[in-house]
Protein backbone atom coordinates (compact mmCIF):
# COMPACT_ATOMS: atom_id res chain seq x y z
CA THR A 1 -13.06 15.90 -0.25
CA ASP A 2 -10.40 14.98 -2.87
CA ILE A 3 -9.37 11.30 -2.69
CA THR A 4 -7.17 9.82 -5.37
CA ALA A 5 -7.00 6.12 -5.95
CA GLU A 6 -5.37 3.90 -8.63
CA LEU A 7 -7.84 1.26 -9.57
CA LYS A 8 -6.94 -2.18 -10.96
CA LEU A 9 -10.34 -3.33 -12.21
CA ASP A 10 -10.84 -6.54 -14.12
CA SER A 11 -11.25 -5.98 -17.87
CA VAL A 12 -14.75 -7.45 -17.68
CA GLU A 13 -15.79 -4.56 -15.41
CA ILE A 14 -14.14 -1.97 -17.63
CA ASP A 15 -15.54 -3.51 -20.73
CA ALA A 16 -19.03 -3.50 -19.36
CA PHE A 17 -18.89 0.20 -18.56
CA LEU A 18 -17.21 1.18 -21.75
CA ASN A 19 -19.80 -0.79 -23.79
CA ALA A 20 -22.52 1.05 -21.80
CA LEU A 21 -20.76 4.33 -22.73
CA ASN A 22 -20.45 3.34 -26.49
CA SER A 23 -24.25 2.67 -26.59
CA ALA A 24 -25.29 5.85 -24.69
CA GLU A 25 -27.15 8.66 -26.23
CA PHE A 26 -25.51 11.99 -26.55
CA MET A 27 -27.17 15.00 -24.97
CA LEU A 28 -26.50 18.46 -23.82
CA LEU A 29 -24.95 18.91 -20.45
CA ASP A 30 -27.56 21.61 -19.79
CA GLU A 31 -30.35 19.00 -20.10
CA ILE A 32 -29.23 17.17 -17.01
CA PRO A 33 -31.99 17.76 -14.49
CA LEU A 34 -30.99 19.91 -11.58
CA ASN A 35 -32.73 21.00 -8.41
CA GLU A 36 -34.03 24.53 -8.17
CA ASP A 37 -31.18 25.62 -5.84
CA ASP A 38 -28.23 24.05 -7.90
CA LEU A 39 -26.05 26.48 -9.63
CA SER A 40 -24.43 24.10 -12.08
CA VAL A 41 -24.24 20.50 -12.93
CA TYR A 42 -20.65 20.50 -11.79
CA ASP A 43 -21.43 21.76 -8.22
CA ALA A 44 -24.58 19.62 -7.91
CA LYS A 45 -24.09 16.26 -9.67
CA GLU A 46 -20.32 15.67 -10.26
CA ILE A 47 -19.24 12.66 -8.26
CA TYR A 48 -15.99 11.30 -9.87
CA HIS A 49 -13.24 12.14 -12.18
CA LEU A 50 -12.04 9.08 -13.87
CA PHE A 51 -8.66 8.96 -15.77
CA LEU A 52 -8.20 6.06 -18.01
CA GLU A 53 -4.68 5.42 -19.27
CA MET A 54 -4.60 3.78 -22.66
CA LYS A 55 -1.98 1.32 -23.78
CA ASN A 56 -0.44 4.03 -26.10
CA GLY A 57 0.02 6.27 -22.97
CA MET A 58 -2.89 8.65 -23.82
CA ILE A 59 -4.94 9.65 -20.82
CA VAL A 60 -8.79 10.06 -21.14
CA HIS A 61 -10.52 12.09 -18.54
CA LEU A 62 -14.09 11.27 -17.86
CA ARG A 63 -16.34 13.19 -15.51
CA LEU A 64 -19.10 11.09 -13.90
CA PHE A 65 -22.25 12.85 -12.83
CA GLU A 66 -24.87 11.47 -10.51
CA GLY A 67 -27.75 9.86 -12.38
CA GLY A 68 -25.60 8.10 -15.07
CA TYR A 69 -24.31 11.08 -17.02
CA VAL A 70 -20.77 11.02 -18.38
CA ASN A 71 -18.72 13.77 -19.99
CA TYR A 72 -15.56 13.37 -21.87
CA ASP A 73 -13.41 16.23 -20.61
CA GLY A 74 -12.52 18.43 -23.47
CA ILE A 75 -15.86 18.25 -25.21
CA ASN A 76 -17.73 21.08 -23.50
CA GLY A 77 -21.50 21.03 -23.13
CA ILE A 78 -21.96 17.44 -24.19
CA CYS A 79 -22.44 14.22 -22.26
CA VAL A 80 -23.93 10.87 -22.54
CA LYS A 81 -26.64 9.20 -20.42
CA VAL A 82 -25.42 5.65 -19.55
CA ASP A 83 -27.97 2.84 -18.47
CA ASN A 84 -28.48 3.31 -14.68
CA GLN A 85 -27.91 -0.26 -13.89
CA LYS A 86 -24.56 -0.40 -15.71
CA PHE A 87 -23.49 3.06 -14.33
CA ASN A 88 -24.31 2.15 -10.71
CA GLU A 89 -22.55 -1.24 -10.96
CA PHE A 90 -19.36 0.66 -12.06
CA ILE A 91 -19.77 3.37 -9.38
CA ASN A 92 -20.05 0.64 -6.85
CA LEU A 93 -16.61 -0.55 -7.79
CA LEU A 94 -15.24 2.86 -7.14
CA ARG A 95 -16.59 3.14 -3.53
């Protein structure tokens, strides 16, 4: 199901998530654990696309994957693993 929503989150909420992103460790997208039957991380774990519009008009596209993994769209094969608590707190705001 494709659902699009414009979010107006408090800057504290965004800052907490962005700080978690900034301190997260880089890893290969292929290292995200999958179940035996899963074909790809995109099919099995992808839960949200997040588009952040910067003050200068630039759009940053983040792919959020179950388990706290975040990929900057445009940097193929690399993601970061965000602290589970911070990731889940942010995801709960999107629901």
